Amino acid sequence: MTVVKKTLLVVLWLGMMGGAGGCAVFAWLAATLSPPDPVPAKYVFPRQETVLVLVDDPVDIVGALPVKYELTRQINEELKKNQITEHQISYKRLMGIAAATPAELE
């Protein structure tokens, strides 16, 4: 049993045994365990086009490049998994292109 499941069981048990909160515990559990509401798309990607995802961090909130690479990878993975786009350029491939042709990117 995972830590999350154990924690939920303890909270549920305390709510039922203590009598405090009664329905509030069930409402909290339902809100916590239910999937989030779907968010409607604001933009439809052209399926035949290649997509490049860049993490925009103008004030350097994220800071570490590995975090930006991982976020980009996860977004690309979601786009592929949900069949939103067929072709994507990975961050690693982009960096390879930039290293090979730095003068053309300026």
C-alpha atoms as a PDB file:
ATOM      1  CA  MET A   1       0.000   0.000   0.000  1.00  0.00           C
ATOM      2  CA  THR A   2       1.420   3.357  -0.980  1.00  0.00           C
ATOM      3  CA  VAL A   3       1.984   6.233   1.416  1.00  0.00           C
ATOM      4  CA  VAL A   4      -0.779   8.250  -0.237  1.00  0.00           C
ATOM      5  CA  LYS A   5      -3.318   5.448   0.195  1.00  0.00           C
ATOM      6  CA  LYS A   6      -2.293   4.944   3.823  1.00  0.00           C
ATOM      7  CA  THR A   7      -2.621   8.661   4.493  1.00  0.00           C
ATOM      8  CA  LEU A   8      -6.067   8.776   2.891  1.00  0.00           C
ATOM      9  CA  LEU A   9      -7.210   5.792   4.943  1.00  0.00           C
ATOM     10  CA  VAL A  10      -5.974   7.400   8.171  1.00  0.00           C
ATOM     11  CA  VAL A  11      -7.728  10.677   7.351  1.00  0.00           C
ATOM     12  CA  LEU A  12     -10.920   8.835   6.488  1.00  0.00           C
ATOM     13  CA  TRP A  13     -10.754   6.766   9.660  1.00  0.00           C
ATOM     14  CA  LEU A  14     -10.084   9.820  11.855  1.00  0.00           C
ATOM     15  CA  GLY A  15     -12.977  11.655  10.233  1.00  0.00           C
ATOM     16  CA  MET A  16     -15.383   8.793  10.843  1.00  0.00           C
ATOM     17  CA  MET A  17     -14.185   7.964  14.357  1.00  0.00           C
ATOM     18  CA  GLY A  18     -13.813  11.510  15.588  1.00  0.00           C
ATOM     19  CA  GLY A  19     -17.168  12.597  14.317  1.00  0.00           C
ATOM     20  CA  ALA A  20     -15.616  15.940  13.418  1.00  0.00           C
ATOM     21  CA  GLY A  21     -16.031  16.945   9.854  1.00  0.00           C
ATOM     22  CA  GLY A  22     -18.152  13.910   8.885  1.00  0.00           C
ATOM     23  CA  CYS A  23     -19.240  14.844   5.376  1.00  0.00           C
ATOM     24  CA  ALA A  24     -16.332  17.230   4.928  1.00  0.00           C
ATOM     25  CA  VAL A  25     -13.930  14.281   4.875  1.00  0.00           C
ATOM     26  CA  PHE A  26     -15.886  12.601   2.103  1.00  0.00           C
ATOM     27  CA  ALA A  27     -16.099  15.866   0.162  1.00  0.00           C
ATOM     28  CA  TRP A  28     -12.349  16.364   0.508  1.00  0.00           C
ATOM     29  CA  LEU A  29     -11.658  12.792  -0.628  1.00  0.00           C
ATOM     30  CA  ALA A  30     -13.965  13.162  -3.613  1.00  0.00           C
ATOM     31  CA  ALA A  31     -12.347  16.455  -4.625  1.00  0.00           C
ATOM     32  CA  THR A  32      -8.839  15.042  -4.165  1.00  0.00           C
ATOM     33  CA  LEU A  33      -9.386  11.765  -6.004  1.00  0.00           C
ATOM     34  CA  SER A  34     -11.517  13.032  -8.887  1.00  0.00           C
ATOM     35  CA  PRO A  35      -9.735  13.859 -12.151  1.00  0.00           C
ATOM     36  CA  PRO A  36      -9.315  17.533 -13.030  1.00  0.00           C
ATOM     37  CA  ASP A  37     -11.811  19.157 -15.365  1.00  0.00           C
ATOM     38  CA  PRO A  38     -10.654  19.134 -19.007  1.00  0.00           C
ATOM     39  CA  VAL A  39      -9.333  22.450 -20.272  1.00  0.00           C
ATOM     40  CA  PRO A  40     -10.516  23.384 -23.760  1.00  0.00           C
ATOM     41  CA  ALA A  41      -7.767  23.901 -26.327  1.00  0.00           C
ATOM     42  CA  LYS A  42      -7.004  27.497 -27.258  1.00  0.00           C
ATOM     43  CA  TYR A  43      -4.986  26.567 -30.300  1.00  0.00           C
ATOM     44  CA  VAL A  44      -5.176  23.676 -32.745  1.00  0.00           C
ATOM     45  CA  PHE A  45      -1.796  22.518 -34.008  1.00  0.00           C
ATOM     46  CA  PRO A  46      -1.582  21.725 -37.711  1.00  0.00           C
ATOM     47  CA  ARG A  47      -1.005  17.946 -37.663  1.00  0.00           C
ATOM     48  CA  GLN A  48       1.393  17.898 -40.612  1.00  0.00           C
ATOM     49  CA  GLU A  49       3.659  20.656 -39.247  1.00  0.00           C
ATOM     50  CA  THR A  50       6.760  20.103 -37.132  1.00  0.00           C
ATOM     51  CA  VAL A  51       6.518  21.584 -33.636  1.00  0.00           C
ATOM     52  CA  LEU A  52       9.336  23.056 -31.554  1.00  0.00           C
ATOM     53  CA  VAL A  53       8.620  23.516 -27.841  1.00  0.00           C
ATOM     54  CA  LEU A  54      10.797  26.014 -25.967  1.00  0.00           C
ATOM     55  CA  VAL A  55      10.413  26.792 -22.276  1.00  0.00           C
ATOM     56  CA  ASP A  56      10.014  30.569 -22.012  1.00  0.00           C
ATOM     57  CA  ASP A  57      11.761  31.710 -18.847  1.00  0.00           C
ATOM     58  CA  PRO A  58      12.637  35.390 -19.401  1.00  0.00           C
ATOM     59  CA  VAL A  59      13.233  36.211 -15.722  1.00  0.00           C
ATOM     60  CA  ASP A  60      15.063  32.938 -15.048  1.00  0.00           C
ATOM     61  CA  ILE A  61      12.550  31.520 -12.566  1.00  0.00           C
ATOM     62  CA  VAL A  62      13.418  27.922 -13.428  1.00  0.00           C
ATOM     63  CA  GLY A  63      17.140  28.625 -13.537  1.00  0.00           C
ATOM     64  CA  ALA A  64      18.632  25.196 -14.118  1.00  0.00           C
ATOM     65  CA  LEU A  65      18.873  24.100 -17.744  1.00  0.00           C
ATOM     66  CA  PRO A  66      18.220  20.412 -16.956  1.00  0.00           C
ATOM     67  CA  VAL A  67      14.810  21.392 -15.565  1.00  0.00           C
ATOM     68  CA  LYS A  68      13.986  23.281 -18.778  1.00  0.00           C
ATOM     69  CA  TYR A  69      15.111  20.292 -20.862  1.00  0.00           C
ATOM     70  CA  GLU A  70      12.955  17.937 -18.788  1.00  0.00           C
ATOM     71  CA  LEU A  71       9.910  20.205 -18.995  1.00  0.00           C
ATOM     72  CA  THR A  72      10.336  20.441 -22.766  1.00  0.00           C
ATOM     73  CA  ARG A  73      10.659  16.654 -22.994  1.00  0.00           C
ATOM     74  CA  GLN A  74       7.496  16.122 -20.953  1.00  0.00           C
ATOM     75  CA  ILE A  75       5.504  18.597 -23.063  1.00  0.00           C
ATOM     76  CA  ASN A  76       6.687  16.866 -26.249  1.00  0.00           C
ATOM     77  CA  GLU A  77       5.735  13.517 -24.734  1.00  0.00           C
ATOM     78  CA  GLU A  78       2.213  14.774 -23.936  1.00  0.00           C
ATOM     79  CA  LEU A  79       1.809  16.172 -27.465  1.00  0.00           C
ATOM     80  CA  LYS A  80       2.827  12.825 -28.916  1.00  0.00           C
ATOM     81  CA  LYS A  81       0.782  10.732 -26.467  1.00  0.00           C
ATOM     82  CA  ASN A  82      -2.378  12.728 -27.137  1.00  0.00           C
ATOM     83  CA  GLN A  83      -1.732  12.653 -30.902  1.00  0.00           C
ATOM     84  CA  ILE A  84      -1.748  16.443 -31.139  1.00  0.00           C
ATOM     85  CA  THR A  85       1.255  16.623 -33.454  1.00  0.00           C
ATOM     86  CA  GLU A  86       3.119  14.006 -35.446  1.00  0.00           C
ATOM     87  CA  HIS A  87       6.545  15.677 -35.643  1.00  0.00           C
ATOM     88  CA  GLN A  88       8.506  17.378 -32.888  1.00  0.00           C
ATOM     89  CA  ILE A  89      12.032  18.697 -32.552  1.00  0.00           C
ATOM     90  CA  SER A  90      13.683  17.685 -29.300  1.00  0.00           C
ATOM     91  CA  TYR A  91      15.685  20.179 -27.227  1.00  0.00           C
ATOM     92  CA  LYS A  92      18.774  18.021 -27.741  1.00  0.00           C
ATOM     93  CA  ARG A  93      18.348  18.159 -31.521  1.00  0.00           C
ATOM     94  CA  LEU A  94      17.842  21.932 -31.404  1.00  0.00           C
ATOM     95  CA  MET A  95      21.064  22.362 -29.437  1.00  0.00           C
ATOM     96  CA  GLY A  96      22.861  20.208 -32.030  1.00  0.00           C
ATOM     97  CA  ILE A  97      21.552  22.407 -34.843  1.00  0.00           C
ATOM     98  CA  ALA A  98      22.569  25.566 -32.948  1.00  0.00           C
ATOM     99  CA  ALA A  99      26.074  24.216 -32.339  1.00  0.00           C
ATOM    100  CA  ALA A 100      26.492  23.281 -36.000  1.00  0.00           C
ATOM    101  CA  THR A 101      25.214  26.595 -37.398  1.00  0.00           C
ATOM    102  CA  PRO A 102      25.669  29.326 -34.735  1.00  0.00           C
ATOM    103  CA  ALA A 103      26.115  32.228 -37.191  1.00  0.00           C
ATOM    104  CA  GLU A 104      22.788  31.532 -38.899  1.00  0.00           C
ATOM    105  CA  LEU A 105      20.885  31.686 -35.604  1.00  0.00           C
ATOM    106  CA  GLU A 106      21.973  35.202 -34.663  1.00  0.00           C
END
